[in-house]
Amino acid sequence: MILKINNGKLELHKDNGTYIRTIAHKDVSNADINEDKTLIVITYDNGKVEIKKENGTYVRTIVHNKAVSAQWVDEGIQIELENGKTEIRKENGTFLRNIH
């Protein structure tokens, strides 16, 4: 599956490019889908990071502000912050550690 950000809207497409659904309707700056293609981590313009299922259902908010981007890594989610720091959080939002 492919994630496409179009004018702040996050869309999910099949590998051949066929549109499936809209996951988030506005203010998306970054998104990443996990390895098994079931969860999407979304970073919004206001710095909030959320997880949604591939069907668009909201799961939880991981960070409420100050995030620039987020992506899935082996142990959870890597979040880049406005201040230049990077942190690793579990899928449930629990802080694991900072990366310097």
PDB file of N, CA and C in Angstrom:
ATOM      1  N   MET A   1       0.821  -1.182   0.000  1.00  0.00           N
ATOM      2  CA  MET A   1       0.000   0.000   0.000  1.00  0.00           C
ATOM      3  C   MET A   1       0.870   1.253   0.000  1.00  0.00           C
ATOM      4  N   ILE A   2       0.331   2.298  -0.566  1.00  0.00           N
ATOM      5  CA  ILE A   2       1.060   3.557  -0.712  1.00  0.00           C
ATOM      6  C   ILE A   2       0.290   4.665  -0.010  1.00  0.00           C
ATOM      7  N   LEU A   3       1.011   5.488   0.746  1.00  0.00           N
ATOM      8  CA  LEU A   3       0.424   6.670   1.359  1.00  0.00           C
ATOM      9  C   LEU A   3       0.759   7.873   0.497  1.00  0.00           C
ATOM     10  N   LYS A   4      -0.236   8.733   0.264  1.00  0.00           N
ATOM     11  CA  LYS A   4      -0.019   9.927  -0.542  1.00  0.00           C
ATOM     12  C   LYS A   4      -0.616  11.124   0.188  1.00  0.00           C
ATOM     13  N   ILE A   5       0.196  12.167   0.379  1.00  0.00           N
ATOM     14  CA  ILE A   5      -0.288  13.403   0.972  1.00  0.00           C
ATOM     15  C   ILE A   5      -0.565  14.374  -0.169  1.00  0.00           C
ATOM     16  N   ASN A   6      -1.813  14.835  -0.249  1.00  0.00           N
ATOM     17  CA  ASN A   6      -2.256  15.709  -1.322  1.00  0.00           C
ATOM     18  C   ASN A   6      -2.945  16.924  -0.705  1.00  0.00           C
ATOM     19  N   ASN A   7      -2.272  18.080  -0.742  1.00  0.00           N
ATOM     20  CA  ASN A   7      -2.818  19.305  -0.138  1.00  0.00           C
ATOM     21  C   ASN A   7      -3.226  19.103   1.317  1.00  0.00           C
ATOM     22  N   GLY A   8      -2.384  18.391   2.088  1.00  0.00           N
ATOM     23  CA  GLY A   8      -2.642  18.173   3.504  1.00  0.00           C
ATOM     24  C   GLY A   8      -3.559  17.013   3.814  1.00  0.00           C
ATOM     25  N   LYS A   9      -4.108  16.374   2.789  1.00  0.00           N
ATOM     26  CA  LYS A   9      -5.002  15.231   2.962  1.00  0.00           C
ATOM     27  C   LYS A   9      -4.205  13.946   2.755  1.00  0.00           C
ATOM     28  N   LEU A  10      -4.386  12.959   3.646  1.00  0.00           N
ATOM     29  CA  LEU A  10      -3.671  11.689   3.544  1.00  0.00           C
ATOM     30  C   LEU A  10      -4.561  10.645   2.901  1.00  0.00           C
ATOM     31  N   GLU A  11      -4.088  10.105   1.781  1.00  0.00           N
ATOM     32  CA  GLU A  11      -4.827   9.087   1.039  1.00  0.00           C
ATOM     33  C   GLU A  11      -4.059   7.772   1.044  1.00  0.00           C
ATOM     34  N   LEU A  12      -4.815   6.676   1.033  1.00  0.00           N
ATOM     35  CA  LEU A  12      -4.253   5.338   0.931  1.00  0.00           C
ATOM     36  C   LEU A  12      -4.548   4.818  -0.472  1.00  0.00           C
ATOM     37  N   HIS A  13      -3.510   4.287  -1.126  1.00  0.00           N
ATOM     38  CA  HIS A  13      -3.640   3.754  -2.484  1.00  0.00           C
ATOM     39  C   HIS A  13      -3.087   2.332  -2.525  1.00  0.00           C
ATOM     40  N   LYS A  14      -3.590   1.546  -3.450  1.00  0.00           N
ATOM     41  CA  LYS A  14      -3.008   0.222  -3.716  1.00  0.00           C
ATOM     42  C   LYS A  14      -1.646   0.422  -4.360  1.00  0.00           C
ATOM     43  N   ASP A  15      -0.850  -0.630  -4.408  1.00  0.00           N
ATOM     44  CA  ASP A  15       0.482  -0.545  -5.016  1.00  0.00           C
ATOM     45  C   ASP A  15       0.424  -0.132  -6.486  1.00  0.00           C
ATOM     46  N   ASN A  16      -0.683  -0.411  -7.161  1.00  0.00           N
ATOM     47  CA  ASN A  16      -0.806  -0.014  -8.569  1.00  0.00           C
ATOM     48  C   ASN A  16      -1.298   1.426  -8.725  1.00  0.00           C
ATOM     49  N   GLY A  17      -1.514   2.113  -7.582  1.00  0.00           N
ATOM     50  CA  GLY A  17      -1.924   3.511  -7.617  1.00  0.00           C
ATOM     51  C   GLY A  17      -3.412   3.754  -7.442  1.00  0.00           C
ATOM     52  N   THR A  18      -4.213   2.700  -7.455  1.00  0.00           N
ATOM     53  CA  THR A  18      -5.657   2.853  -7.312  1.00  0.00           C
ATOM     54  C   THR A  18      -6.011   3.389  -5.929  1.00  0.00           C
ATOM     55  N   TYR A  19      -6.838   4.427  -5.902  1.00  0.00           N
ATOM     56  CA  TYR A  19      -7.280   5.042  -4.652  1.00  0.00           C
ATOM     57  C   TYR A  19      -8.118   4.070  -3.843  1.00  0.00           C
ATOM     58  N   ILE A  20      -7.842   3.983  -2.521  1.00  0.00           N
ATOM     59  CA  ILE A  20      -8.639   3.134  -1.626  1.00  0.00           C
ATOM     60  C   ILE A  20      -9.533   4.012  -0.753  1.00  0.00           C
ATOM     61  N   ARG A  21      -8.918   4.914   0.031  1.00  0.00           N
ATOM     62  CA  ARG A  21      -9.698   5.771   0.929  1.00  0.00           C
ATOM     63  C   ARG A  21      -8.845   6.920   1.437  1.00  0.00           C
ATOM     64  N   THR A  22      -9.509   7.917   2.010  1.00  0.00           N
ATOM     65  CA  THR A  22      -8.832   9.012   2.697  1.00  0.00           C
ATOM     66  C   THR A  22      -8.714   8.632   4.170  1.00  0.00           C
ATOM     67  N   ILE A  23      -7.496   8.758   4.703  1.00  0.00           N
ATOM     68  CA  ILE A  23      -7.231   8.403   6.099  1.00  0.00           C
ATOM     69  C   ILE A  23      -7.367   9.628   7.003  1.00  0.00           C
ATOM     70  N   ALA A  24      -6.874  10.774   6.549  1.00  0.00           N
ATOM     71  CA  ALA A  24      -6.983  12.032   7.298  1.00  0.00           C
ATOM     72  C   ALA A  24      -7.311  13.134   6.298  1.00  0.00           C
ATOM     73  N   HIS A  25      -8.195  14.033   6.666  1.00  0.00           N
ATOM     74  CA  HIS A  25      -8.743  14.995   5.718  1.00  0.00           C
ATOM     75  C   HIS A  25      -8.025  16.325   5.616  1.00  0.00           C
ATOM     76  N   LYS A  26      -7.184  16.684   6.611  1.00  0.00           N
ATOM     77  CA  LYS A  26      -6.495  17.976   6.501  1.00  0.00           C
ATOM     78  C   LYS A  26      -5.282  18.052   7.422  1.00  0.00           C
ATOM     79  N   ASP A  27      -4.381  18.972   7.066  1.00  0.00           N
ATOM     80  CA  ASP A  27      -3.231  19.356   7.901  1.00  0.00           C
ATOM     81  C   ASP A  27      -2.198  18.253   8.129  1.00  0.00           C
ATOM     82  N   VAL A  28      -2.099  17.260   7.252  1.00  0.00           N
ATOM     83  CA  VAL A  28      -1.098  16.194   7.387  1.00  0.00           C
ATOM     84  C   VAL A  28       0.213  16.669   6.777  1.00  0.00           C
ATOM     85  N   SER A  29       1.303  16.508   7.530  1.00  0.00           N
ATOM     86  CA  SER A  29       2.618  16.884   7.013  1.00  0.00           C
ATOM     87  C   SER A  29       3.498  15.667   6.729  1.00  0.00           C
ATOM     88  N   ASN A  30       3.210  14.519   7.388  1.00  0.00           N
ATOM     89  CA  ASN A  30       4.053  13.336   7.249  1.00  0.00           C
ATOM     90  C   ASN A  30       3.241  12.116   7.665  1.00  0.00           C
ATOM     91  N   ALA A  31       3.529  10.962   7.050  1.00  0.00           N
ATOM     92  CA  ALA A  31       2.844   9.718   7.436  1.00  0.00           C
ATOM     93  C   ALA A  31       3.708   8.522   7.067  1.00  0.00           C
ATOM     94  N   ASP A  32       3.504   7.431   7.810  1.00  0.00           N
ATOM     95  CA  ASP A  32       4.258   6.205   7.562  1.00  0.00           C
ATOM     96  C   ASP A  32       3.368   5.024   7.955  1.00  0.00           C
ATOM     97  N   ILE A  33       3.426   3.950   7.168  1.00  0.00           N
ATOM     98  CA  ILE A  33       2.632   2.748   7.454  1.00  0.00           C
ATOM     99  C   ILE A  33       3.560   1.668   8.000  1.00  0.00           C
ATOM    100  N   ASN A  34       3.071   0.891   8.965  1.00  0.00           N
ATOM    101  CA  ASN A  34       3.930  -0.125   9.576  1.00  0.00           C
ATOM    102  C   ASN A  34       4.177  -1.286   8.616  1.00  0.00           C
ATOM    103  N   GLU A  35       5.076  -2.173   9.014  1.00  0.00           N
ATOM    104  CA  GLU A  35       5.531  -3.250   8.138  1.00  0.00           C
ATOM    105  C   GLU A  35       4.404  -4.182   7.701  1.00  0.00           C
ATOM    106  N   ASP A  36       3.483  -4.481   8.606  1.00  0.00           N
ATOM    107  CA  ASP A  36       2.398  -5.391   8.227  1.00  0.00           C
ATOM    108  C   ASP A  36       1.180  -4.670   7.635  1.00  0.00           C
ATOM    109  N   LYS A  37       1.348  -3.359   7.351  1.00  0.00           N
ATOM    110  CA  LYS A  37       0.352  -2.554   6.625  1.00  0.00           C
ATOM    111  C   LYS A  37      -0.991  -2.437   7.357  1.00  0.00           C
ATOM    112  N   THR A  38      -0.958  -2.444   8.696  1.00  0.00           N
ATOM    113  CA  THR A  38      -2.200  -2.361   9.469  1.00  0.00           C
ATOM    114  C   THR A  38      -2.356  -1.039  10.214  1.00  0.00           C
ATOM    115  N   LEU A  39      -1.246  -0.358  10.509  1.00  0.00           N
ATOM    116  CA  LEU A  39      -1.303   0.885  11.274  1.00  0.00           C
ATOM    117  C   LEU A  39      -0.529   1.998  10.570  1.00  0.00           C
ATOM    118  N   ILE A  40      -1.060   3.208  10.670  1.00  0.00           N
ATOM    119  CA  ILE A  40      -0.432   4.369  10.048  1.00  0.00           C
ATOM    120  C   ILE A  40      -0.159   5.401  11.127  1.00  0.00           C
ATOM    121  N   VAL A  41       1.083   5.883  11.180  1.00  0.00           N
ATOM    122  CA  VAL A  41       1.424   6.971  12.100  1.00  0.00           C
ATOM    123  C   VAL A  41       1.398   8.263  11.278  1.00  0.00           C
ATOM    124  N   ILE A  42       0.669   9.263  11.794  1.00  0.00           N
ATOM    125  CA  ILE A  42       0.430  10.511  11.060  1.00  0.00           C
ATOM    126  C   ILE A  42       0.941  11.685  11.866  1.00  0.00           C
ATOM    127  N   THR A  43       1.714  12.561  11.224  1.00  0.00           N
ATOM    128  CA  THR A  43       2.149  13.812  11.841  1.00  0.00           C
ATOM    129  C   THR A  43       1.373  14.945  11.188  1.00  0.00           C
ATOM    130  N   TYR A  44       0.808  15.798  12.030  1.00  0.00           N
ATOM    131  CA  TYR A  44       0.022  16.931  11.553  1.00  0.00           C
ATOM    132  C   TYR A  44       0.843  18.225  11.623  1.00  0.00           C
ATOM    133  N   ASP A  45       0.393  19.238  10.898  1.00  0.00           N
ATOM    134  CA  ASP A  45       1.084  20.532  10.859  1.00  0.00           C
ATOM    135  C   ASP A  45       1.259  21.143  12.245  1.00  0.00           C
ATOM    136  N   ASN A  46       0.328  20.880  13.168  1.00  0.00           N
ATOM    137  CA  ASN A  46       0.399  21.452  14.512  1.00  0.00           C
ATOM    138  C   ASN A  46       1.328  20.671  15.447  1.00  0.00           C
ATOM    139  N   GLY A  47       2.001  19.617  14.923  1.00  0.00           N
ATOM    140  CA  GLY A  47       2.955  18.842  15.712  1.00  0.00           C
ATOM    141  C   GLY A  47       2.369  17.637  16.417  1.00  0.00           C
ATOM    142  N   LYS A  48       1.089  17.377  16.216  1.00  0.00           N
ATOM    143  CA  LYS A  48       0.453  16.217  16.835  1.00  0.00           C
ATOM    144  C   LYS A  48       0.778  14.961  16.026  1.00  0.00           C
ATOM    145  N   VAL A  49       0.958  13.832  16.728  1.00  0.00           N
ATOM    146  CA  VAL A  49       1.196  12.539  16.087  1.00  0.00           C
ATOM    147  C   VAL A  49       0.106  11.573  16.542  1.00  0.00           C
ATOM    148  N   GLU A  50      -0.581  10.967  15.567  1.00  0.00           N
ATOM    149  CA  GLU A  50      -1.640  10.006  15.837  1.00  0.00           C
ATOM    150  C   GLU A  50      -1.361   8.690  15.129  1.00  0.00           C
ATOM    151  N   ILE A  51      -1.980   7.644  15.656  1.00  0.00           N
ATOM    152  CA  ILE A  51      -1.992   6.353  14.967  1.00  0.00           C
ATOM    153  C   ILE A  51      -3.430   6.094  14.532  1.00  0.00           C
ATOM    154  N   LYS A  52      -3.578   5.656  13.283  1.00  0.00           N
ATOM    155  CA  LYS A  52      -4.869   5.213  12.770  1.00  0.00           C
ATOM    156  C   LYS A  52      -4.688   3.839  12.121  1.00  0.00           C
ATOM    157  N   LYS A  53      -5.763   3.065  12.096  1.00  0.00           N
ATOM    158  CA  LYS A  53      -5.757   1.787  11.387  1.00  0.00           C
ATOM    159  C   LYS A  53      -5.798   2.072   9.893  1.00  0.00           C
ATOM    160  N   GLU A  54      -5.469   1.081   9.086  1.00  0.00           N
ATOM    161  CA  GLU A  54      -5.465   1.263   7.636  1.00  0.00           C
ATOM    162  C   GLU A  54      -6.862   1.522   7.080  1.00  0.00           C
ATOM    163  N   ASN A  55      -7.890   1.259   7.878  1.00  0.00           N
ATOM    164  CA  ASN A  55      -9.251   1.570   7.452  1.00  0.00           C
ATOM    165  C   ASN A  55      -9.660   2.990   7.849  1.00  0.00           C
ATOM    166  N   GLY A  56      -8.739   3.726   8.502  1.00  0.00           N
ATOM    167  CA  GLY A  56      -8.988   5.112   8.879  1.00  0.00           C
ATOM    168  C   GLY A  56      -9.460   5.311  10.306  1.00  0.00           C
ATOM    169  N   THR A  57      -9.711   4.234  11.032  1.00  0.00           N
ATOM    170  CA  THR A  57     -10.182   4.326  12.406  1.00  0.00           C
ATOM    171  C   THR A  57      -9.087   4.854  13.331  1.00  0.00           C
ATOM    172  N   TYR A  58      -9.434   5.855  14.142  1.00  0.00           N
ATOM    173  CA  TYR A  58      -8.504   6.432  15.110  1.00  0.00           C
ATOM    174  C   TYR A  58      -8.134   5.402  16.170  1.00  0.00           C
ATOM    175  N   VAL A  59      -6.830   5.313  16.496  1.00  0.00           N
ATOM    176  CA  VAL A  59      -6.360   4.413  17.544  1.00  0.00           C
ATOM    177  C   VAL A  59      -5.966   5.219  18.780  1.00  0.00           C
ATOM    178  N   ARG A  60      -4.992   6.136  18.621  1.00  0.00           N
ATOM    179  CA  ARG A  60      -4.564   6.952  19.758  1.00  0.00           C
ATOM    180  C   ARG A  60      -3.657   8.085  19.304  1.00  0.00           C
ATOM    181  N   THR A  61      -3.515   9.078  20.184  1.00  0.00           N
ATOM    182  CA  THR A  61      -2.555  10.156  19.985  1.00  0.00           C
ATOM    183  C   THR A  61      -1.281   9.787  20.732  1.00  0.00           C
ATOM    184  N   ILE A  62      -0.141   9.915  20.049  1.00  0.00           N
ATOM    185  CA  ILE A  62       1.154   9.570  20.640  1.00  0.00           C
ATOM    186  C   ILE A  62       1.821  10.814  21.226  1.00  0.00           C
ATOM    187  N   VAL A  63       1.776  11.918  20.480  1.00  0.00           N
ATOM    188  CA  VAL A  63       2.367  13.189  20.906  1.00  0.00           C
ATOM    189  C   VAL A  63       1.339  14.271  20.580  1.00  0.00           C
ATOM    190  N   HIS A  64       1.154  15.215  21.498  1.00  0.00           N
ATOM    191  CA  HIS A  64       0.137  16.248  21.299  1.00  0.00           C
ATOM    192  C   HIS A  64       0.641  17.476  20.558  1.00  0.00           C
ATOM    193  N   ASN A  65       1.956  17.732  20.575  1.00  0.00           N
ATOM    194  CA  ASN A  65       2.517  18.883  19.857  1.00  0.00           C
ATOM    195  C   ASN A  65       4.029  18.756  19.737  1.00  0.00           C
ATOM    196  N   LYS A  66       4.628  19.631  18.946  1.00  0.00           N
ATOM    197  CA  LYS A  66       6.075  19.784  18.778  1.00  0.00           C
ATOM    198  C   LYS A  66       6.767  18.677  17.987  1.00  0.00           C
ATOM    199  N   ALA A  67       6.024  17.836  17.279  1.00  0.00           N
ATOM    200  CA  ALA A  67       6.629  16.818  16.423  1.00  0.00           C
ATOM    201  C   ALA A  67       6.733  17.349  14.997  1.00  0.00           C
ATOM    202  N   VAL A  68       7.811  16.967  14.318  1.00  0.00           N
ATOM    203  CA  VAL A  68       8.025  17.341  12.928  1.00  0.00           C
ATOM    204  C   VAL A  68       7.705  16.156  12.014  1.00  0.00           C
ATOM    205  N   SER A  69       8.100  14.960  12.447  1.00  0.00           N
ATOM    206  CA  SER A  69       7.818  13.751  11.678  1.00  0.00           C
ATOM    207  C   SER A  69       7.855  12.540  12.602  1.00  0.00           C
ATOM    208  N   ALA A  70       7.260  11.448  12.131  1.00  0.00           N
ATOM    209  CA  ALA A  70       7.257  10.189  12.876  1.00  0.00           C
ATOM    210  C   ALA A  70       7.282   9.043  11.882  1.00  0.00           C
ATOM    211  N   GLN A  71       7.982   7.987  12.261  1.00  0.00           N
ATOM    212  CA  GLN A  71       8.022   6.809  11.396  1.00  0.00           C
ATOM    213  C   GLN A  71       8.174   5.555  12.240  1.00  0.00           C
ATOM    214  N   TRP A  72       7.732   4.450  11.673  1.00  0.00           N
ATOM    215  CA  TRP A  72       7.849   3.159  12.352  1.00  0.00           C
ATOM    216  C   TRP A  72       9.291   2.687  12.302  1.00  0.00           C
ATOM    217  N   VAL A  73       9.772   2.164  13.413  1.00  0.00           N
ATOM    218  CA  VAL A  73      11.067   1.504  13.500  1.00  0.00           C
ATOM    219  C   VAL A  73      10.841   0.174  14.217  1.00  0.00           C
ATOM    220  N   ASP A  74      11.876  -0.665  14.297  1.00  0.00           N
ATOM    221  CA  ASP A  74      11.731  -2.008  14.869  1.00  0.00           C
ATOM    222  C   ASP A  74      11.039  -2.027  16.222  1.00  0.00           C
ATOM    223  N   GLU A  75      11.411  -1.100  17.100  1.00  0.00           N
ATOM    224  CA  GLU A  75      10.898  -1.166  18.470  1.00  0.00           C
ATOM    225  C   GLU A  75       9.705  -0.257  18.751  1.00  0.00           C
ATOM    226  N   GLY A  76       9.204   0.422  17.736  1.00  0.00           N
ATOM    227  CA  GLY A  76       8.070   1.307  17.957  1.00  0.00           C
ATOM    228  C   GLY A  76       8.038   2.431  16.950  1.00  0.00           C
ATOM    229  N   ILE A  77       7.979   3.674  17.471  1.00  0.00           N
ATOM    230  CA  ILE A  77       7.851   4.852  16.620  1.00  0.00           C
ATOM    231  C   ILE A  77       8.974   5.826  16.940  1.00  0.00           C
ATOM    232  N   GLN A  78       9.673   6.269  15.907  1.00  0.00           N
ATOM    233  CA  GLN A  78      10.722   7.279  16.038  1.00  0.00           C
ATOM    234  C   GLN A  78      10.104   8.625  15.716  1.00  0.00           C
ATOM    235  N   ILE A  79      10.236   9.583  16.653  1.00  0.00           N
ATOM    236  CA  ILE A  79       9.618  10.889  16.492  1.00  0.00           C
ATOM    237  C   ILE A  79      10.692  11.969  16.503  1.00  0.00           C
ATOM    238  N   GLU A  80      10.707  12.763  15.441  1.00  0.00           N
ATOM    239  CA  GLU A  80      11.605  13.914  15.351  1.00  0.00           C
ATOM    240  C   GLU A  80      10.853  15.124  15.900  1.00  0.00           C
ATOM    241  N   LEU A  81      11.482  15.853  16.827  1.00  0.00           N
ATOM    242  CA  LEU A  81      10.835  16.995  17.467  1.00  0.00           C
ATOM    243  C   LEU A  81      11.353  18.318  16.923  1.00  0.00           C
ATOM    244  N   GLU A  82      10.588  19.383  17.137  1.00  0.00           N
ATOM    245  CA  GLU A  82      10.967  20.735  16.677  1.00  0.00           C
ATOM    246  C   GLU A  82      12.337  21.161  17.180  1.00  0.00           C
ATOM    247  N   ASN A  83      12.683  20.760  18.397  1.00  0.00           N
ATOM    248  CA  ASN A  83      13.943  21.185  19.014  1.00  0.00           C
ATOM    249  C   ASN A  83      15.151  20.379  18.524  1.00  0.00           C
ATOM    250  N   GLY A  84      14.939  19.495  17.551  1.00  0.00           N
ATOM    251  CA  GLY A  84      16.032  18.714  16.988  1.00  0.00           C
ATOM    252  C   GLY A  84      16.256  17.373  17.669  1.00  0.00           C
ATOM    253  N   LYS A  85      15.588  17.115  18.769  1.00  0.00           N
ATOM    254  CA  LYS A  85      15.738  15.837  19.465  1.00  0.00           C
ATOM    255  C   LYS A  85      14.919  14.763  18.757  1.00  0.00           C
ATOM    256  N   THR A  86      15.330  13.525  18.988  1.00  0.00           N
ATOM    257  CA  THR A  86      14.623  12.362  18.455  1.00  0.00           C
ATOM    258  C   THR A  86      14.298  11.453  19.621  1.00  0.00           C
ATOM    259  N   GLU A  87      13.069  10.991  19.669  1.00  0.00           N
ATOM    260  CA  GLU A  87      12.703  10.057  20.726  1.00  0.00           C
ATOM    261  C   GLU A  87      12.050   8.820  20.136  1.00  0.00           C
ATOM    262  N   ILE A  88      12.160   7.742  20.884  1.00  0.00           N
ATOM    263  CA  ILE A  88      11.527   6.478  20.518  1.00  0.00           C
ATOM    264  C   ILE A  88      10.408   6.231  21.513  1.00  0.00           C
ATOM    265  N   ARG A  89       9.226   5.915  20.988  1.00  0.00           N
ATOM    266  CA  ARG A  89       8.070   5.603  21.820  1.00  0.00           C
ATOM    267  C   ARG A  89       7.482   4.260  21.390  1.00  0.00           C
ATOM    268  N   LYS A  90       6.879   3.574  22.348  1.00  0.00           N
ATOM    269  CA  LYS A  90       6.154   2.354  22.027  1.00  0.00           C
ATOM    270  C   LYS A  90       4.905   2.708  21.234  1.00  0.00           C
ATOM    271  N   GLU A  91       4.304   1.722  20.628  1.00  0.00           N
ATOM    272  CA  GLU A  91       3.071   1.910  19.859  1.00  0.00           C
ATOM    273  C   GLU A  91       1.949   2.489  20.725  1.00  0.00           C
ATOM    274  N   ASN A  92       1.986   2.210  22.033  1.00  0.00           N
ATOM    275  CA  ASN A  92       0.959   2.739  22.938  1.00  0.00           C
ATOM    276  C   ASN A  92       1.269   4.161  23.417  1.00  0.00           C
ATOM    277  N   GLY A  93       2.402   4.731  22.974  1.00  0.00           N
ATOM    278  CA  GLY A  93       2.770   6.088  23.321  1.00  0.00           C
ATOM    279  C   GLY A  93       3.770   6.218  24.449  1.00  0.00           C
ATOM    280  N   THR A  94       4.068   5.122  25.143  1.00  0.00           N
ATOM    281  CA  THR A  94       5.016   5.148  26.238  1.00  0.00           C
ATOM    282  C   THR A  94       6.402   5.546  25.748  1.00  0.00           C
ATOM    283  N   PHE A  95       7.008   6.514  26.427  1.00  0.00           N
ATOM    284  CA  PHE A  95       8.359   6.979  26.084  1.00  0.00           C
ATOM    285  C   PHE A  95       9.365   5.887  26.411  1.00  0.00           C
ATOM    286  N   LEU A  96      10.267   5.594  25.468  1.00  0.00           N
ATOM    287  CA  LEU A  96      11.337   4.617  25.706  1.00  0.00           C
ATOM    288  C   LEU A  96      12.671   5.316  25.956  1.00  0.00           C
ATOM    289  N   ARG A  97      13.069   6.194  25.012  1.00  0.00           N
ATOM    290  CA  ARG A  97      14.360   6.876  25.183  1.00  0.00           C
ATOM    291  C   ARG A  97      14.531   7.983  24.148  1.00  0.00           C
ATOM    292  N   ASN A  98      15.472   8.873  24.423  1.00  0.00           N
ATOM    293  CA  ASN A  98      15.908   9.881  23.473  1.00  0.00           C
ATOM    294  C   ASN A  98      17.097   9.342  22.693  1.00  0.00           C
ATOM    295  N   ILE A  99      17.256   9.789  21.470  1.00  0.00           N
ATOM    296  CA  ILE A  99      18.432   9.475  20.669  1.00  0.00           C
ATOM    297  C   ILE A  99      19.177  10.785  20.482  1.00  0.00           C
ATOM    298  N   HIS A 100      20.435  10.787  20.828  1.00  0.00           N
ATOM    299  CA  HIS A 100      21.235  12.038  20.728  1.00  0.00           C
ATOM    300  C   HIS A 100      22.168  11.988  19.548  1.00  0.00           C
TER     301      HIS A 100
END
